[in-house]
């Protein structure tokens, strides 16, 4: 029997807790915004940040989702901001997203 150890400090790992489905904030948004929220977890950096430009977000988070137009993605981002699941900020003239509490829930966090 082989025993291997996974080094959680190498590569990209994301942890999402099962209790997240019972959160008050996530249950206030529509299906599209919720879907985008979980996909943001997949494309963000190790600190929970990624670009907020809806065209870039479409290309990186939802490239094959036909109904995820840049206009809809912007509306979903606004929805996530409104309930406090994400924050937006500007750096060097570019808009970014930060997932609230992201680092706290990660294995190396």
C-alpha atoms as a PDB file:
ATOM      1  CA  UNK A   1       0.000   0.000   0.000  1.00  0.00           C
ATOM      2  CA  UNK A   2       1.362   3.386  -1.006  1.00  0.00           C
ATOM      3  CA  UNK A   3       1.204   6.276   1.385  1.00  0.00           C
ATOM      4  CA  UNK A   4       1.689   9.688  -0.085  1.00  0.00           C
ATOM      5  CA  UNK A   5       1.693  13.090   1.495  1.00  0.00           C
ATOM      6  CA  UNK A   6       0.122  16.042  -0.237  1.00  0.00           C
ATOM      7  CA  UNK A   7       2.117  19.229   0.215  1.00  0.00           C
ATOM      8  CA  UNK A   8      -0.608  21.865   0.554  1.00  0.00           C
ATOM      9  CA  UNK A   9       1.937  24.609  -0.029  1.00  0.00           C
ATOM     10  CA  UNK A  10       2.659  23.516  -3.601  1.00  0.00           C
ATOM     11  CA  UNK A  11       0.281  24.225  -6.424  1.00  0.00           C
ATOM     12  CA  UNK A  12      -3.136  25.802  -6.294  1.00  0.00           C
ATOM     13  CA  UNK A  13      -5.608  24.507  -3.734  1.00  0.00           C
ATOM     14  CA  UNK A  14      -9.012  25.889  -2.872  1.00  0.00           C
ATOM     15  CA  UNK A  15     -11.122  24.903   0.100  1.00  0.00           C
ATOM     16  CA  UNK A  16     -14.861  25.451   0.173  1.00  0.00           C
ATOM     17  CA  UNK A  17     -16.731  24.361   3.280  1.00  0.00           C
ATOM     18  CA  UNK A  18     -19.969  22.401   3.174  1.00  0.00           C
ATOM     19  CA  UNK A  19     -21.639  24.894   5.508  1.00  0.00           C
ATOM     20  CA  UNK A  20     -21.329  27.564   2.829  1.00  0.00           C
ATOM     21  CA  UNK A  21     -24.678  26.509   1.391  1.00  0.00           C
ATOM     22  CA  UNK A  22     -26.404  27.675   4.567  1.00  0.00           C
ATOM     23  CA  UNK A  23     -24.869  31.161   4.543  1.00  0.00           C
ATOM     24  CA  UNK A  24     -27.206  34.108   4.676  1.00  0.00           C
ATOM     25  CA  UNK A  25     -25.343  36.087   2.027  1.00  0.00           C
ATOM     26  CA  UNK A  26     -25.042  33.343  -0.602  1.00  0.00           C
ATOM     27  CA  UNK A  27     -28.755  32.619  -0.303  1.00  0.00           C
ATOM     28  CA  UNK A  28     -29.629  36.233  -1.097  1.00  0.00           C
ATOM     29  CA  UNK A  29     -28.252  36.116  -4.649  1.00  0.00           C
ATOM     30  CA  UNK A  30     -29.668  34.590  -7.793  1.00  0.00           C
ATOM     31  CA  UNK A  31     -28.441  31.452  -9.514  1.00  0.00           C
ATOM     32  CA  UNK A  32     -26.167  33.259 -11.975  1.00  0.00           C
ATOM     33  CA  UNK A  33     -24.438  35.299  -9.277  1.00  0.00           C
ATOM     34  CA  UNK A  34     -23.964  32.220  -7.116  1.00  0.00           C
ATOM     35  CA  UNK A  35     -22.484  30.274 -10.017  1.00  0.00           C
ATOM     36  CA  UNK A  36     -20.084  33.134 -10.725  1.00  0.00           C
ATOM     37  CA  UNK A  37     -19.113  33.325  -7.043  1.00  0.00           C
ATOM     38  CA  UNK A  38     -17.920  29.712  -6.986  1.00  0.00           C
ATOM     39  CA  UNK A  39     -16.112  30.140 -10.289  1.00  0.00           C
ATOM     40  CA  UNK A  40     -14.315  33.195  -8.918  1.00  0.00           C
ATOM     41  CA  UNK A  41     -12.823  30.825  -6.320  1.00  0.00           C
ATOM     42  CA  UNK A  42     -11.312  28.834  -9.181  1.00  0.00           C
ATOM     43  CA  UNK A  43      -9.682  31.772 -10.957  1.00  0.00           C
ATOM     44  CA  UNK A  44      -8.578  33.973  -8.077  1.00  0.00           C
ATOM     45  CA  UNK A  45      -5.031  34.158  -6.789  1.00  0.00           C
ATOM     46  CA  UNK A  46      -3.865  32.766  -3.446  1.00  0.00           C
ATOM     47  CA  UNK A  47      -5.261  35.810  -1.657  1.00  0.00           C
ATOM     48  CA  UNK A  48      -8.763  35.722  -3.177  1.00  0.00           C
ATOM     49  CA  UNK A  49      -8.210  38.428  -5.804  1.00  0.00           C
ATOM     50  CA  UNK A  50      -8.919  38.467  -9.525  1.00  0.00           C
ATOM     51  CA  UNK A  51      -9.776  40.925 -12.265  1.00  0.00           C
ATOM     52  CA  UNK A  52     -13.255  42.415 -12.174  1.00  0.00           C
ATOM     53  CA  UNK A  53     -13.487  43.417 -15.822  1.00  0.00           C
ATOM     54  CA  UNK A  54     -16.571  41.537 -17.073  1.00  0.00           C
ATOM     55  CA  UNK A  55     -14.952  40.642 -20.416  1.00  0.00           C
ATOM     56  CA  UNK A  56     -11.884  39.168 -18.690  1.00  0.00           C
ATOM     57  CA  UNK A  57     -14.072  37.450 -16.093  1.00  0.00           C
ATOM     58  CA  UNK A  58     -16.184  35.918 -18.876  1.00  0.00           C
ATOM     59  CA  UNK A  59     -13.064  34.606 -20.627  1.00  0.00           C
ATOM     60  CA  UNK A  60     -11.468  33.151 -17.523  1.00  0.00           C
ATOM     61  CA  UNK A  61     -14.390  32.058 -15.317  1.00  0.00           C
ATOM     62  CA  UNK A  62     -17.217  31.229 -17.723  1.00  0.00           C
ATOM     63  CA  UNK A  63     -15.780  30.797 -21.234  1.00  0.00           C
ATOM     64  CA  UNK A  64     -18.305  28.174 -22.358  1.00  0.00           C
ATOM     65  CA  UNK A  65     -21.411  29.563 -20.639  1.00  0.00           C
ATOM     66  CA  UNK A  66     -23.352  31.198 -23.477  1.00  0.00           C
ATOM     67  CA  UNK A  67     -25.725  33.179 -21.269  1.00  0.00           C
ATOM     68  CA  UNK A  68     -22.835  34.645 -19.266  1.00  0.00           C
ATOM     69  CA  UNK A  69     -22.463  37.811 -21.309  1.00  0.00           C
ATOM     70  CA  UNK A  70     -20.223  40.608 -20.006  1.00  0.00           C
ATOM     71  CA  UNK A  71     -23.377  42.619 -19.218  1.00  0.00           C
ATOM     72  CA  UNK A  72     -24.792  39.757 -17.107  1.00  0.00           C
ATOM     73  CA  UNK A  73     -21.443  39.134 -15.441  1.00  0.00           C
ATOM     74  CA  UNK A  74     -21.314  42.786 -14.392  1.00  0.00           C
ATOM     75  CA  UNK A  75     -24.827  42.493 -12.960  1.00  0.00           C
ATOM     76  CA  UNK A  76     -23.815  39.319 -11.069  1.00  0.00           C
ATOM     77  CA  UNK A  77     -20.679  41.011  -9.721  1.00  0.00           C
ATOM     78  CA  UNK A  78     -22.847  43.924  -8.547  1.00  0.00           C
ATOM     79  CA  UNK A  79     -25.191  41.447  -6.872  1.00  0.00           C
ATOM     80  CA  UNK A  80     -22.281  39.786  -5.038  1.00  0.00           C
ATOM     81  CA  UNK A  81     -20.956  43.177  -3.912  1.00  0.00           C
ATOM     82  CA  UNK A  82     -24.410  44.195  -2.659  1.00  0.00           C
ATOM     83  CA  UNK A  83     -24.535  41.266  -0.199  1.00  0.00           C
ATOM     84  CA  UNK A  84     -20.870  41.542   0.815  1.00  0.00           C
ATOM     85  CA  UNK A  85     -19.576  38.292  -0.682  1.00  0.00           C
ATOM     86  CA  UNK A  86     -17.011  40.172  -2.725  1.00  0.00           C
ATOM     87  CA  UNK A  87     -15.408  43.577  -2.590  1.00  0.00           C
ATOM     88  CA  UNK A  88     -14.158  45.523  -5.579  1.00  0.00           C
ATOM     89  CA  UNK A  89     -11.153  47.812  -5.690  1.00  0.00           C
ATOM     90  CA  UNK A  90      -8.973  49.643  -8.176  1.00  0.00           C
ATOM     91  CA  UNK A  91      -5.243  49.096  -8.632  1.00  0.00           C
ATOM     92  CA  UNK A  92      -3.311  50.861 -11.341  1.00  0.00           C
ATOM     93  CA  UNK A  93      -6.470  51.766 -13.213  1.00  0.00           C
ATOM     94  CA  UNK A  94      -7.763  48.184 -13.330  1.00  0.00           C
ATOM     95  CA  UNK A  95     -10.772  46.887 -11.391  1.00  0.00           C
ATOM     96  CA  UNK A  96     -10.301  43.871  -9.132  1.00  0.00           C
ATOM     97  CA  UNK A  97     -12.467  41.582  -7.012  1.00  0.00           C
ATOM     98  CA  UNK A  98     -11.596  40.335  -3.542  1.00  0.00           C
ATOM     99  CA  UNK A  99     -13.568  37.396  -2.128  1.00  0.00           C
ATOM    100  CA  UNK A 100     -14.479  38.328   1.433  1.00  0.00           C
ATOM    101  CA  UNK A 101     -12.885  35.953   3.959  1.00  0.00           C
ATOM    102  CA  UNK A 102     -11.098  33.930   1.277  1.00  0.00           C
ATOM    103  CA  UNK A 103      -7.728  33.604   3.005  1.00  0.00           C
ATOM    104  CA  UNK A 104      -9.267  32.582   6.314  1.00  0.00           C
ATOM    105  CA  UNK A 105     -10.817  29.478   4.771  1.00  0.00           C
ATOM    106  CA  UNK A 106      -7.748  28.200   2.907  1.00  0.00           C
ATOM    107  CA  UNK A 107      -5.460  25.393   4.118  1.00  0.00           C
ATOM    108  CA  UNK A 108      -2.337  27.547   4.115  1.00  0.00           C
ATOM    109  CA  UNK A 109      -4.254  30.672   5.179  1.00  0.00           C
END
